[in-house]
Amino acid sequence: MTISRRTVISGLAATPALALRMPRAFAAGYPERPIHLIVPFAAGGNADIVGRLVGDAMGKVLGGTVVVENRGGAGGSVGAEIVARATPDGYMLLVASNGPMTVNPFVQAHLAYDPLKDFAPVALTSYVPHALIMSNKAGVSSIADVIALSKKAPVTIASSGVGSATHMTLERFKHATGANITHVPYRSGGALMPDLMSGAVQGAMTELSTALPLHQGGQAKIIAIASMHRSKLAADIPTFDESGVKGFVAQSYIGIVAPVKTPPDIVTKLTQAVAKGLAAGGPAAEKLVSLGSELATPEQLTADGFAGFLRTDTENMREAAKLAGIVPQ
């Protein structure tokens, strides 16, 4: 059989068009097998709880199964690297949060992935504002009180660890107010609570969801939340902005990302599944709100919106790391 030059050229010309159509055809039948959603932390934490709620909601929208796997280690970097190196076909995703996405680049010297280059953002799902909660024994009830107290002697404020998202927020707070604060790191937000209640530490910067039960039970007092509006769950608590720290916002966020070369059509399908699964008034959305989370805005529920959010938070964390004098190790 003789193959003409014209036949060869025609075949080569058709190849790019065929390649361009392949991802769309692939997305049309997606998912055809279980999707693995990697939580880069141990079970029971905020990322795990939100990840399981979102995964279940996505599975119902997509008509498939979403299997949640906990792959903890190195502040979330172990699980993040697994997803960054996974086949970019939409079947392995990451529950993305502050640690692996925007904090670890400034505290870990040998990060094996680039958060802004190795992932395709799918959607931000929700975030929990950070809050400053004070021991009842500290005798303060406002940001102004804390600053005044710190003029007499350093105020001990705990966080969930050196380089954690809440530590970064504490350093930003110190810089914004000039308060004389001694940072006391713990291994987690939950671990510091007994010492907060006993007065061993005078206060803590932690997630609202962690602090709220103590506040509501009268065991400690939240004096401000780092949100631009008051929480519906605790309308009595003022924001940092209302308390004089203008524009001060900080939160622990949760989103979904995929490996960077995941076909755009699949990313779009996943984004739509997250948005629909977290529709206001739906069971997943209501559960998140009841746990103290705030739902992402419609813009943040898009791939571009989440990408912009990550870029902004990366710069905030870069500045916070400088303020804290943190050197990547």
C-alpha atoms as a PDB file:
ATOM      1  CA  MET A   1       0.000   0.000   0.000  1.00  0.00           C
ATOM      2  CA  THR A   2       1.383   3.435  -0.982  1.00  0.00           C
ATOM      3  CA  ILE A   3       0.751   6.345   1.362  1.00  0.00           C
ATOM      4  CA  SER A   4       0.735   9.678  -0.414  1.00  0.00           C
ATOM      5  CA  ARG A   5       2.429  12.808   0.948  1.00  0.00           C
ATOM      6  CA  ARG A   6      -0.999  14.481   0.994  1.00  0.00           C
ATOM      7  CA  THR A   7      -2.421  11.718   3.198  1.00  0.00           C
ATOM      8  CA  VAL A   8       0.429  12.089   5.702  1.00  0.00           C
ATOM      9  CA  ILE A   9       0.062  15.881   5.877  1.00  0.00           C
ATOM     10  CA  SER A  10      -3.707  15.618   6.284  1.00  0.00           C
ATOM     11  CA  GLY A  11      -3.290  13.136   9.113  1.00  0.00           C
ATOM     12  CA  LEU A  12      -0.785  15.332  10.927  1.00  0.00           C
ATOM     13  CA  ALA A  13      -3.021  18.365  10.539  1.00  0.00           C
ATOM     14  CA  ALA A  14      -5.932  16.503  12.101  1.00  0.00           C
ATOM     15  CA  THR A  15      -3.949  15.361  15.130  1.00  0.00           C
ATOM     16  CA  PRO A  16      -4.007  18.627  17.151  1.00  0.00           C
ATOM     17  CA  ALA A  17      -7.756  18.977  16.668  1.00  0.00           C
ATOM     18  CA  LEU A  18      -8.254  15.410  17.870  1.00  0.00           C
ATOM     19  CA  ALA A  19      -6.041  16.049  20.901  1.00  0.00           C
ATOM     20  CA  LEU A  20      -8.038  19.131  21.768  1.00  0.00           C
ATOM     21  CA  ARG A  21     -11.257  17.143  21.688  1.00  0.00           C
ATOM     22  CA  MET A  22      -9.973  14.309  23.900  1.00  0.00           C
ATOM     23  CA  PRO A  23     -10.248  16.038  27.310  1.00  0.00           C
ATOM     24  CA  ARG A  24     -13.825  17.102  26.561  1.00  0.00           C
ATOM     25  CA  ALA A  25     -14.767  13.539  25.576  1.00  0.00           C
ATOM     26  CA  PHE A  26     -13.034  12.283  28.723  1.00  0.00           C
ATOM     27  CA  ALA A  27     -14.932  14.741  30.915  1.00  0.00           C
ATOM     28  CA  ALA A  28     -18.256  13.712  29.425  1.00  0.00           C
ATOM     29  CA  GLY A  29     -18.107  10.318  31.159  1.00  0.00           C
ATOM     30  CA  TYR A  30     -16.358  11.501  34.291  1.00  0.00           C
ATOM     31  CA  PRO A  31     -16.294  10.061  36.892  1.00  0.00           C
ATOM     32  CA  GLU A  32     -16.129   6.436  35.851  1.00  0.00           C
ATOM     33  CA  ARG A  33     -14.492   5.215  39.058  1.00  0.00           C
ATOM     34  CA  PRO A  34     -14.112   6.483  42.647  1.00  0.00           C
ATOM     35  CA  ILE A  35     -12.485   9.874  43.207  1.00  0.00           C
ATOM     36  CA  HIS A  36      -9.887   9.947  45.994  1.00  0.00           C
ATOM     37  CA  LEU A  37      -9.952  13.079  48.134  1.00  0.00           C
ATOM     38  CA  ILE A  38      -6.735  13.393  50.150  1.00  0.00           C
ATOM     39  CA  VAL A  39      -6.912  15.097  53.550  1.00  0.00           C
ATOM     40  CA  PRO A  40      -3.283  15.930  54.445  1.00  0.00           C
ATOM     41  CA  PHE A  41      -3.936  15.731  58.193  1.00  0.00           C
ATOM     42  CA  ALA A  42      -5.115  13.189  60.734  1.00  0.00           C
ATOM     43  CA  ALA A  43      -8.807  12.440  61.149  1.00  0.00           C
ATOM     44  CA  GLY A  44     -10.951  14.656  63.348  1.00  0.00           C
ATOM     45  CA  GLY A  45      -9.559  18.087  62.532  1.00  0.00           C
ATOM     46  CA  ASN A  46     -11.190  20.943  60.642  1.00  0.00           C
ATOM     47  CA  ALA A  47      -9.776  19.865  57.263  1.00  0.00           C
ATOM     48  CA  ASP A  48     -10.986  16.299  57.787  1.00  0.00           C
ATOM     49  CA  ILE A  49     -14.489  17.300  58.894  1.00  0.00           C
ATOM     50  CA  VAL A  50     -14.986  19.798  56.070  1.00  0.00           C
ATOM     51  CA  GLY A  51     -13.350  17.494  53.528  1.00  0.00           C
ATOM     52  CA  ARG A  52     -15.746  14.658  54.315  1.00  0.00           C
ATOM     53  CA  LEU A  53     -18.793  16.950  54.123  1.00  0.00           C
ATOM     54  CA  VAL A  54     -17.664  18.428  50.815  1.00  0.00           C
ATOM     55  CA  GLY A  55     -16.636  15.049  49.413  1.00  0.00           C
ATOM     56  CA  ASP A  56     -20.038  13.581  50.185  1.00  0.00           C
ATOM     57  CA  ALA A  57     -21.794  16.561  48.601  1.00  0.00           C
ATOM     58  CA  MET A  58     -19.610  16.369  45.478  1.00  0.00           C
ATOM     59  CA  GLY A  59     -20.250  12.643  45.106  1.00  0.00           C
ATOM     60  CA  LYS A  60     -24.007  13.172  45.163  1.00  0.00           C
ATOM     61  CA  VAL A  61     -23.810  15.865  42.484  1.00  0.00           C
ATOM     62  CA  LEU A  62     -21.422  13.901  40.261  1.00  0.00           C
ATOM     63  CA  GLY A  63     -23.299  10.634  40.695  1.00  0.00           C
ATOM     64  CA  GLY A  64     -20.124   8.887  41.796  1.00  0.00           C
ATOM     65  CA  THR A  65     -18.151   7.868  44.871  1.00  0.00           C
ATOM     66  CA  VAL A  66     -15.687  10.142  46.648  1.00  0.00           C
ATOM     67  CA  VAL A  67     -13.334   8.271  48.965  1.00  0.00           C
ATOM     68  CA  VAL A  68     -11.678  10.396  51.649  1.00  0.00           C
ATOM     69  CA  GLU A  69      -8.151   9.357  52.663  1.00  0.00           C
ATOM     70  CA  ASN A  70      -6.098  10.841  55.501  1.00  0.00           C
ATOM     71  CA  ARG A  71      -2.417  11.209  54.568  1.00  0.00           C
ATOM     72  CA  GLY A  72      -0.972  13.343  57.352  1.00  0.00           C
ATOM     73  CA  GLY A  73       2.569  14.455  57.991  1.00  0.00           C
ATOM     74  CA  ALA A  74       4.897  17.479  57.814  1.00  0.00           C
ATOM     75  CA  GLY A  75       2.170  20.045  58.353  1.00  0.00           C
ATOM     76  CA  GLY A  76       0.156  18.777  55.418  1.00  0.00           C
ATOM     77  CA  SER A  77       3.075  18.596  52.988  1.00  0.00           C
ATOM     78  CA  VAL A  78       3.077  14.791  52.703  1.00  0.00           C
ATOM     79  CA  GLY A  79      -0.496  14.590  51.430  1.00  0.00           C
ATOM     80  CA  ALA A  80      -0.047  17.635  49.221  1.00  0.00           C
ATOM     81  CA  GLU A  81       2.983  16.106  47.517  1.00  0.00           C
ATOM     82  CA  ILE A  82       1.067  12.888  46.850  1.00  0.00           C
ATOM     83  CA  VAL A  83      -1.604  14.832  44.966  1.00  0.00           C
ATOM     84  CA  ALA A  84       0.892  17.104  43.199  1.00  0.00           C
ATOM     85  CA  ARG A  85       2.609  14.009  41.758  1.00  0.00           C
ATOM     86  CA  ALA A  86      -0.609  12.105  40.962  1.00  0.00           C
ATOM     87  CA  THR A  87      -1.877  11.414  37.449  1.00  0.00           C
ATOM     88  CA  PRO A  88      -3.805  14.562  36.426  1.00  0.00           C
ATOM     89  CA  ASP A  89      -7.031  12.811  35.487  1.00  0.00           C
ATOM     90  CA  GLY A  90      -9.419  14.109  38.136  1.00  0.00           C
ATOM     91  CA  TYR A  91      -9.351  10.987  40.279  1.00  0.00           C
ATOM     92  CA  MET A  92      -7.076  12.293  43.018  1.00  0.00           C
ATOM     93  CA  LEU A  93      -7.773  15.661  44.656  1.00  0.00           C
ATOM     94  CA  LEU A  94      -6.478  17.527  47.702  1.00  0.00           C
ATOM     95  CA  VAL A  95      -8.366  19.109  50.579  1.00  0.00           C
ATOM     96  CA  ALA A  96      -6.284  22.298  50.506  1.00  0.00           C
ATOM     97  CA  SER A  97      -5.776  24.472  53.577  1.00  0.00           C
ATOM     98  CA  ASN A  98      -3.438  27.126  54.985  1.00  0.00           C
ATOM     99  CA  GLY A  99      -0.623  24.761  55.986  1.00  0.00           C
ATOM    100  CA  PRO A 100       0.236  22.974  52.753  1.00  0.00           C
ATOM    101  CA  MET A 101      -0.834  25.814  50.449  1.00  0.00           C
ATOM    102  CA  THR A 102       0.278  29.143  51.899  1.00  0.00           C
ATOM    103  CA  VAL A 103       2.176  28.600  55.171  1.00  0.00           C
ATOM    104  CA  ASN A 104       4.599  25.740  54.546  1.00  0.00           C
ATOM    105  CA  PRO A 105       6.482  27.544  51.736  1.00  0.00           C
ATOM    106  CA  PHE A 106       7.750  29.957  54.399  1.00  0.00           C
ATOM    107  CA  VAL A 107       8.535  27.457  57.159  1.00  0.00           C
ATOM    108  CA  GLN A 108       9.818  24.398  55.255  1.00  0.00           C
ATOM    109  CA  ALA A 109      13.073  24.834  53.354  1.00  0.00           C
ATOM    110  CA  HIS A 110      12.786  21.760  51.161  1.00  0.00           C
ATOM    111  CA  LEU A 111       9.152  21.677  50.096  1.00  0.00           C
ATOM    112  CA  ALA A 112       8.789  19.037  47.364  1.00  0.00           C
ATOM    113  CA  TYR A 113       6.057  20.886  45.481  1.00  0.00           C
ATOM    114  CA  ASP A 114       5.107  24.434  44.524  1.00  0.00           C
ATOM    115  CA  PRO A 115       1.631  25.302  45.840  1.00  0.00           C
ATOM    116  CA  LEU A 116       0.985  27.923  43.154  1.00  0.00           C
ATOM    117  CA  LYS A 117       2.442  25.964  40.218  1.00  0.00           C
ATOM    118  CA  ASP A 118       1.723  22.285  40.888  1.00  0.00           C
ATOM    119  CA  PHE A 119      -2.031  22.494  41.506  1.00  0.00           C
ATOM    120  CA  ALA A 120      -5.125  23.519  39.573  1.00  0.00           C
ATOM    121  CA  PRO A 121      -7.498  25.336  41.960  1.00  0.00           C
ATOM    122  CA  VAL A 122     -11.038  23.928  41.864  1.00  0.00           C
ATOM    123  CA  ALA A 123     -12.904  25.992  44.466  1.00  0.00           C
ATOM    124  CA  LEU A 124     -12.678  27.502  47.909  1.00  0.00           C
ATOM    125  CA  THR A 125     -15.367  25.879  50.035  1.00  0.00           C
ATOM    126  CA  SER A 126     -15.367  27.633  53.391  1.00  0.00           C
ATOM    127  CA  TYR A 127     -13.296  29.235  56.069  1.00  0.00           C
ATOM    128  CA  VAL A 128     -13.330  29.656  59.829  1.00  0.00           C
ATOM    129  CA  PRO A 129     -12.340  33.091  61.178  1.00  0.00           C
ATOM    130  CA  HIS A 130      -9.558  33.227  63.710  1.00  0.00           C
ATOM    131  CA  ALA A 131     -10.470  34.528  67.146  1.00  0.00           C
ATOM    132  CA  LEU A 132      -8.646  35.913  70.155  1.00  0.00           C
ATOM    133  CA  ILE A 133      -9.939  34.165  73.262  1.00  0.00           C
ATOM    134  CA  MET A 134      -8.772  35.188  76.731  1.00  0.00           C
ATOM    135  CA  SER A 135      -8.709  33.348  80.033  1.00  0.00           C
ATOM    136  CA  ASN A 136     -11.242  34.563  82.547  1.00  0.00           C
ATOM    137  CA  LYS A 137      -8.315  35.027  84.934  1.00  0.00           C
ATOM    138  CA  ALA A 138      -6.709  37.572  82.597  1.00  0.00           C
ATOM    139  CA  GLY A 139      -9.348  40.120  83.572  1.00  0.00           C
ATOM    140  CA  VAL A 140      -9.770  41.614  80.081  1.00  0.00           C
ATOM    141  CA  SER A 141     -12.790  41.987  77.827  1.00  0.00           C
ATOM    142  CA  SER A 142     -11.572  43.896  74.759  1.00  0.00           C
ATOM    143  CA  ILE A 143      -8.640  44.392  72.400  1.00  0.00           C
ATOM    144  CA  ALA A 144      -7.939  47.710  74.120  1.00  0.00           C
ATOM    145  CA  ASP A 145      -7.720  45.890  77.456  1.00  0.00           C
ATOM    146  CA  VAL A 146      -5.204  43.393  76.060  1.00  0.00           C
ATOM    147  CA  ILE A 147      -3.006  46.171  74.670  1.00  0.00           C
ATOM    148  CA  ALA A 148      -3.179  48.070  77.969  1.00  0.00           C
ATOM    149  CA  LEU A 149      -2.335  44.924  79.954  1.00  0.00           C
ATOM    150  CA  SER A 150       0.637  44.236  77.699  1.00  0.00           C
ATOM    151  CA  LYS A 151       2.111  47.627  78.586  1.00  0.00           C
ATOM    152  CA  LYS A 152       2.550  46.394  82.160  1.00  0.00           C
ATOM    153  CA  ALA A 153       4.027  42.974  81.305  1.00  0.00           C
ATOM    154  CA  PRO A 154       4.109  40.653  78.279  1.00  0.00           C
ATOM    155  CA  VAL A 155       0.793  38.883  77.702  1.00  0.00           C
ATOM    156  CA  THR A 156       1.115  35.155  76.994  1.00  0.00           C
ATOM    157  CA  ILE A 157      -0.893  34.132  73.927  1.00  0.00           C
ATOM    158  CA  ALA A 158      -0.924  30.554  72.664  1.00  0.00           C
ATOM    159  CA  SER A 159      -1.309  29.191  69.137  1.00  0.00           C
ATOM    160  CA  SER A 160      -1.416  25.742  67.558  1.00  0.00           C
ATOM    161  CA  GLY A 161       2.310  25.767  66.844  1.00  0.00           C
ATOM    162  CA  VAL A 162       5.258  27.685  65.408  1.00  0.00           C
ATOM    163  CA  GLY A 163       4.512  28.520  61.782  1.00  0.00           C
ATOM    164  CA  SER A 164       0.845  27.556  62.068  1.00  0.00           C
ATOM    165  CA  ALA A 165      -1.831  29.718  60.480  1.00  0.00           C
ATOM    166  CA  THR A 166      -2.900  31.004  63.903  1.00  0.00           C
ATOM    167  CA  HIS A 167       0.707  31.830  64.824  1.00  0.00           C
ATOM    168  CA  MET A 168       0.957  33.885  61.637  1.00  0.00           C
ATOM    169  CA  THR A 169      -2.237  35.704  62.602  1.00  0.00           C
ATOM    170  CA  LEU A 170      -0.860  36.411  66.067  1.00  0.00           C
ATOM    171  CA  GLU A 171       2.304  37.929  64.578  1.00  0.00           C
ATOM    172  CA  ARG A 172       0.223  40.156  62.303  1.00  0.00           C
ATOM    173  CA  PHE A 173      -1.859  41.232  65.317  1.00  0.00           C
ATOM    174  CA  LYS A 174       1.272  42.121  67.294  1.00  0.00           C
ATOM    175  CA  HIS A 175       2.585  44.175  64.392  1.00  0.00           C
ATOM    176  CA  ALA A 176      -0.745  45.954  63.844  1.00  0.00           C
ATOM    177  CA  THR A 177      -1.261  46.921  67.494  1.00  0.00           C
ATOM    178  CA  GLY A 178       2.203  47.080  69.034  1.00  0.00           C
ATOM    179  CA  ALA A 179       0.996  44.817  71.845  1.00  0.00           C
ATOM    180  CA  ASN A 180       3.746  43.214  73.954  1.00  0.00           C
ATOM    181  CA  ILE A 181       2.941  39.521  73.498  1.00  0.00           C
ATOM    182  CA  THR A 182       4.855  36.344  74.248  1.00  0.00           C
ATOM    183  CA  HIS A 183       3.925  33.527  71.847  1.00  0.00           C
ATOM    184  CA  VAL A 184       3.367  30.121  73.461  1.00  0.00           C
ATOM    185  CA  PRO A 185       3.192  27.338  70.837  1.00  0.00           C
ATOM    186  CA  TYR A 186       1.172  24.134  71.325  1.00  0.00           C
ATOM    187  CA  ARG A 187       0.781  21.092  69.100  1.00  0.00           C
ATOM    188  CA  SER A 188      -2.842  21.903  68.232  1.00  0.00           C
ATOM    189  CA  GLY A 189      -5.691  24.268  69.011  1.00  0.00           C
ATOM    190  CA  GLY A 190      -7.401  21.669  71.159  1.00  0.00           C
ATOM    191  CA  ALA A 191      -4.265  20.945  73.190  1.00  0.00           C
ATOM    192  CA  LEU A 192      -3.965  24.499  74.482  1.00  0.00           C
ATOM    193  CA  MET A 193      -7.511  24.810  75.813  1.00  0.00           C
ATOM    194  CA  PRO A 194      -6.929  23.271  79.297  1.00  0.00           C
ATOM    195  CA  ASP A 195      -4.080  25.727  79.947  1.00  0.00           C
ATOM    196  CA  LEU A 196      -6.217  28.597  78.698  1.00  0.00           C
ATOM    197  CA  MET A 197      -9.036  27.725  81.078  1.00  0.00           C
ATOM    198  CA  SER A 198      -6.655  27.294  84.022  1.00  0.00           C
ATOM    199  CA  GLY A 199      -4.931  30.583  83.302  1.00  0.00           C
ATOM    200  CA  ALA A 200      -1.531  28.984  82.604  1.00  0.00           C
ATOM    201  CA  VAL A 201      -1.620  31.050  79.412  1.00  0.00           C
ATOM    202  CA  GLN A 202      -3.567  34.288  79.334  1.00  0.00           C
ATOM    203  CA  GLY A 203      -5.044  33.888  75.876  1.00  0.00           C
ATOM    204  CA  ALA A 204      -5.006  32.076  72.551  1.00  0.00           C
ATOM    205  CA  MET A 205      -5.309  32.861  68.873  1.00  0.00           C
ATOM    206  CA  THR A 206      -7.310  29.998  67.405  1.00  0.00           C
ATOM    207  CA  GLU A 207     -10.204  29.109  65.105  1.00  0.00           C
ATOM    208  CA  LEU A 208     -13.635  30.410  66.087  1.00  0.00           C
ATOM    209  CA  SER A 209     -15.002  26.861  65.899  1.00  0.00           C
ATOM    210  CA  THR A 210     -12.455  25.743  68.525  1.00  0.00           C
ATOM    211  CA  ALA A 211     -12.966  28.715  70.830  1.00  0.00           C
ATOM    212  CA  LEU A 212     -16.742  29.080  70.605  1.00  0.00           C
ATOM    213  CA  PRO A 213     -17.747  26.221  72.967  1.00  0.00           C
ATOM    214  CA  LEU A 214     -15.592  27.703  75.747  1.00  0.00           C
ATOM    215  CA  HIS A 215     -17.013  31.180  75.155  1.00  0.00           C
ATOM    216  CA  GLN A 216     -20.589  29.937  75.162  1.00  0.00           C
ATOM    217  CA  GLY A 217     -19.946  27.894  78.295  1.00  0.00           C
ATOM    218  CA  GLY A 218     -18.425  30.825  80.159  1.00  0.00           C
ATOM    219  CA  GLN A 219     -15.061  29.046  80.535  1.00  0.00           C
ATOM    220  CA  ALA A 220     -13.153  31.748  78.633  1.00  0.00           C
ATOM    221  CA  LYS A 221     -14.024  34.883  76.676  1.00  0.00           C
ATOM    222  CA  ILE A 222     -13.618  35.557  72.957  1.00  0.00           C
ATOM    223  CA  ILE A 223     -12.896  39.261  72.687  1.00  0.00           C
ATOM    224  CA  ALA A 224     -12.722  39.586  68.894  1.00  0.00           C
ATOM    225  CA  ILE A 225     -12.990  37.608  65.647  1.00  0.00           C
ATOM    226  CA  ALA A 226     -10.864  38.281  62.568  1.00  0.00           C
ATOM    227  CA  SER A 227     -13.741  38.671  60.143  1.00  0.00           C
ATOM    228  CA  MET A 228     -15.273  41.713  58.456  1.00  0.00           C
ATOM    229  CA  HIS A 229     -18.639  40.909  59.996  1.00  0.00           C
ATOM    230  CA  ARG A 230     -19.885  39.359  63.214  1.00  0.00           C
ATOM    231  CA  SER A 231     -20.615  35.653  63.374  1.00  0.00           C
ATOM    232  CA  LYS A 232     -24.267  34.638  63.283  1.00  0.00           C
ATOM    233  CA  LEU A 233     -23.405  32.045  65.925  1.00  0.00           C
ATOM    234  CA  ALA A 234     -22.121  34.672  68.362  1.00  0.00           C
ATOM    235  CA  ALA A 235     -23.399  38.112  67.444  1.00  0.00           C
ATOM    236  CA  ASP A 236     -22.175  39.474  70.785  1.00  0.00           C
ATOM    237  CA  ILE A 237     -18.527  39.167  69.748  1.00  0.00           C
ATOM    238  CA  PRO A 238     -17.074  42.206  67.945  1.00  0.00           C
ATOM    239  CA  THR A 239     -14.668  41.968  65.021  1.00  0.00           C
ATOM    240  CA  PHE A 240     -11.056  43.139  65.174  1.00  0.00           C
ATOM    241  CA  ASP A 241     -12.049  45.882  62.756  1.00  0.00           C
ATOM    242  CA  GLU A 242     -14.775  47.114  65.104  1.00  0.00           C
ATOM    243  CA  SER A 243     -12.257  46.939  67.939  1.00  0.00           C
ATOM    244  CA  GLY A 244      -9.880  49.357  66.241  1.00  0.00           C
ATOM    245  CA  VAL A 245      -7.631  46.994  64.250  1.00  0.00           C
ATOM    246  CA  LYS A 246      -8.883  48.212  60.906  1.00  0.00           C
ATOM    247  CA  GLY A 247      -9.188  45.730  58.050  1.00  0.00           C
ATOM    248  CA  PHE A 248      -7.772  42.870  60.130  1.00  0.00           C
ATOM    249  CA  VAL A 249      -9.037  39.597  58.658  1.00  0.00           C
ATOM    250  CA  ALA A 250      -7.593  36.098  59.119  1.00  0.00           C
ATOM    251  CA  GLN A 251      -9.002  32.634  58.765  1.00  0.00           C
ATOM    252  CA  SER A 252      -8.313  28.943  58.346  1.00  0.00           C
ATOM    253  CA  TYR A 253      -9.665  28.043  54.936  1.00  0.00           C
ATOM    254  CA  ILE A 254     -10.537  24.848  53.129  1.00  0.00           C
ATOM    255  CA  GLY A 255     -10.658  24.377  49.365  1.00  0.00           C
ATOM    256  CA  ILE A 256     -10.221  21.721  46.705  1.00  0.00           C
ATOM    257  CA  VAL A 257      -7.324  21.513  44.247  1.00  0.00           C
ATOM    258  CA  ALA A 258      -6.276  19.007  41.582  1.00  0.00           C
ATOM    259  CA  PRO A 259      -2.896  18.225  39.974  1.00  0.00           C
ATOM    260  CA  VAL A 260      -1.947  21.088  37.647  1.00  0.00           C
ATOM    261  CA  LYS A 261      -2.408  19.353  34.294  1.00  0.00           C
ATOM    262  CA  THR A 262      -5.910  18.051  35.039  1.00  0.00           C
ATOM    263  CA  PRO A 263      -8.040  18.657  31.893  1.00  0.00           C
ATOM    264  CA  PRO A 264      -9.886  21.994  32.137  1.00  0.00           C
ATOM    265  CA  ASP A 265     -13.244  20.358  31.444  1.00  0.00           C
ATOM    266  CA  ILE A 266     -12.822  18.064  34.434  1.00  0.00           C
ATOM    267  CA  VAL A 267     -11.792  20.977  36.651  1.00  0.00           C
ATOM    268  CA  THR A 268     -14.912  22.817  35.512  1.00  0.00           C
ATOM    269  CA  LYS A 269     -17.067  19.805  36.290  1.00  0.00           C
ATOM    270  CA  LEU A 270     -15.546  19.544  39.759  1.00  0.00           C
ATOM    271  CA  THR A 271     -16.014  23.268  40.392  1.00  0.00           C
ATOM    272  CA  GLN A 272     -19.672  23.006  39.457  1.00  0.00           C
ATOM    273  CA  ALA A 273     -20.083  19.984  41.735  1.00  0.00           C
ATOM    274  CA  VAL A 274     -18.606  21.862  44.712  1.00  0.00           C
ATOM    275  CA  ALA A 275     -20.782  24.933  44.069  1.00  0.00           C
ATOM    276  CA  LYS A 276     -23.951  22.894  43.690  1.00  0.00           C
ATOM    277  CA  GLY A 277     -23.110  20.643  46.639  1.00  0.00           C
ATOM    278  CA  LEU A 278     -22.629  23.685  48.876  1.00  0.00           C
ATOM    279  CA  ALA A 279     -25.675  25.601  47.671  1.00  0.00           C
ATOM    280  CA  ALA A 280     -27.011  27.913  50.380  1.00  0.00           C
ATOM    281  CA  GLY A 281     -29.705  26.230  52.417  1.00  0.00           C
ATOM    282  CA  GLY A 282     -28.595  22.735  51.445  1.00  0.00           C
ATOM    283  CA  PRO A 283     -27.658  20.114  54.057  1.00  0.00           C
ATOM    284  CA  ALA A 284     -23.879  20.399  53.528  1.00  0.00           C
ATOM    285  CA  ALA A 285     -23.939  24.192  53.700  1.00  0.00           C
ATOM    286  CA  GLU A 286     -26.115  24.211  56.801  1.00  0.00           C
ATOM    287  CA  LYS A 287     -23.848  21.702  58.539  1.00  0.00           C
ATOM    288  CA  LEU A 288     -20.746  23.772  57.800  1.00  0.00           C
ATOM    289  CA  VAL A 289     -22.399  26.920  59.130  1.00  0.00           C
ATOM    290  CA  SER A 290     -23.487  25.106  62.287  1.00  0.00           C
ATOM    291  CA  LEU A 291     -19.839  24.173  62.914  1.00  0.00           C
ATOM    292  CA  GLY A 292     -18.757  27.814  62.793  1.00  0.00           C
ATOM    293  CA  SER A 293     -17.596  27.915  59.179  1.00  0.00           C
ATOM    294  CA  GLU A 294     -18.457  30.651  56.717  1.00  0.00           C
ATOM    295  CA  LEU A 295     -19.281  29.608  53.171  1.00  0.00           C
ATOM    296  CA  ALA A 296     -17.111  30.869  50.335  1.00  0.00           C
ATOM    297  CA  THR A 297     -18.571  33.638  48.195  1.00  0.00           C
ATOM    298  CA  PRO A 298     -19.855  32.778  44.689  1.00  0.00           C
ATOM    299  CA  GLU A 299     -16.634  34.213  43.230  1.00  0.00           C
ATOM    300  CA  GLN A 300     -14.448  32.167  45.589  1.00  0.00           C
ATOM    301  CA  LEU A 301     -16.379  29.043  44.591  1.00  0.00           C
ATOM    302  CA  THR A 302     -14.780  29.322  41.139  1.00  0.00           C
ATOM    303  CA  ALA A 303     -11.342  28.172  40.021  1.00  0.00           C
ATOM    304  CA  ASP A 304     -10.208  31.722  39.226  1.00  0.00           C
ATOM    305  CA  GLY A 305     -11.634  33.086  42.465  1.00  0.00           C
ATOM    306  CA  PHE A 306      -9.831  30.477  44.558  1.00  0.00           C
ATOM    307  CA  ALA A 307      -6.598  31.067  42.621  1.00  0.00           C
ATOM    308  CA  GLY A 308      -6.778  34.770  43.447  1.00  0.00           C
ATOM    309  CA  PHE A 309      -7.524  33.987  47.082  1.00  0.00           C
ATOM    310  CA  LEU A 310      -4.427  31.762  47.277  1.00  0.00           C
ATOM    311  CA  ARG A 311      -2.183  34.415  45.746  1.00  0.00           C
ATOM    312  CA  THR A 312      -3.384  37.024  48.234  1.00  0.00           C
ATOM    313  CA  ASP A 313      -3.007  34.714  51.238  1.00  0.00           C
ATOM    314  CA  THR A 314       0.476  33.701  50.084  1.00  0.00           C
ATOM    315  CA  GLU A 315       1.591  37.325  50.238  1.00  0.00           C
ATOM    316  CA  ASN A 316      -0.047  37.761  53.662  1.00  0.00           C
ATOM    317  CA  MET A 317       1.842  34.716  54.945  1.00  0.00           C
ATOM    318  CA  ARG A 318       5.109  35.928  53.408  1.00  0.00           C
ATOM    319  CA  GLU A 319       4.782  39.162  55.400  1.00  0.00           C
ATOM    320  CA  ALA A 320       3.693  37.339  58.571  1.00  0.00           C
ATOM    321  CA  ALA A 321       6.705  35.021  58.372  1.00  0.00           C
ATOM    322  CA  LYS A 322       8.998  38.042  58.130  1.00  0.00           C
ATOM    323  CA  LEU A 323       7.326  39.657  61.126  1.00  0.00           C
ATOM    324  CA  ALA A 324       7.741  36.444  63.120  1.00  0.00           C
ATOM    325  CA  GLY A 325      11.371  36.069  62.087  1.00  0.00           C
ATOM    326  CA  ILE A 326      10.656  32.569  60.785  1.00  0.00           C
ATOM    327  CA  VAL A 327      13.485  31.048  58.719  1.00  0.00           C
ATOM    328  CA  PRO A 328      12.536  27.992  56.596  1.00  0.00           C
ATOM    329  CA  GLN A 329      14.067  24.828  58.026  1.00  0.00           C
END
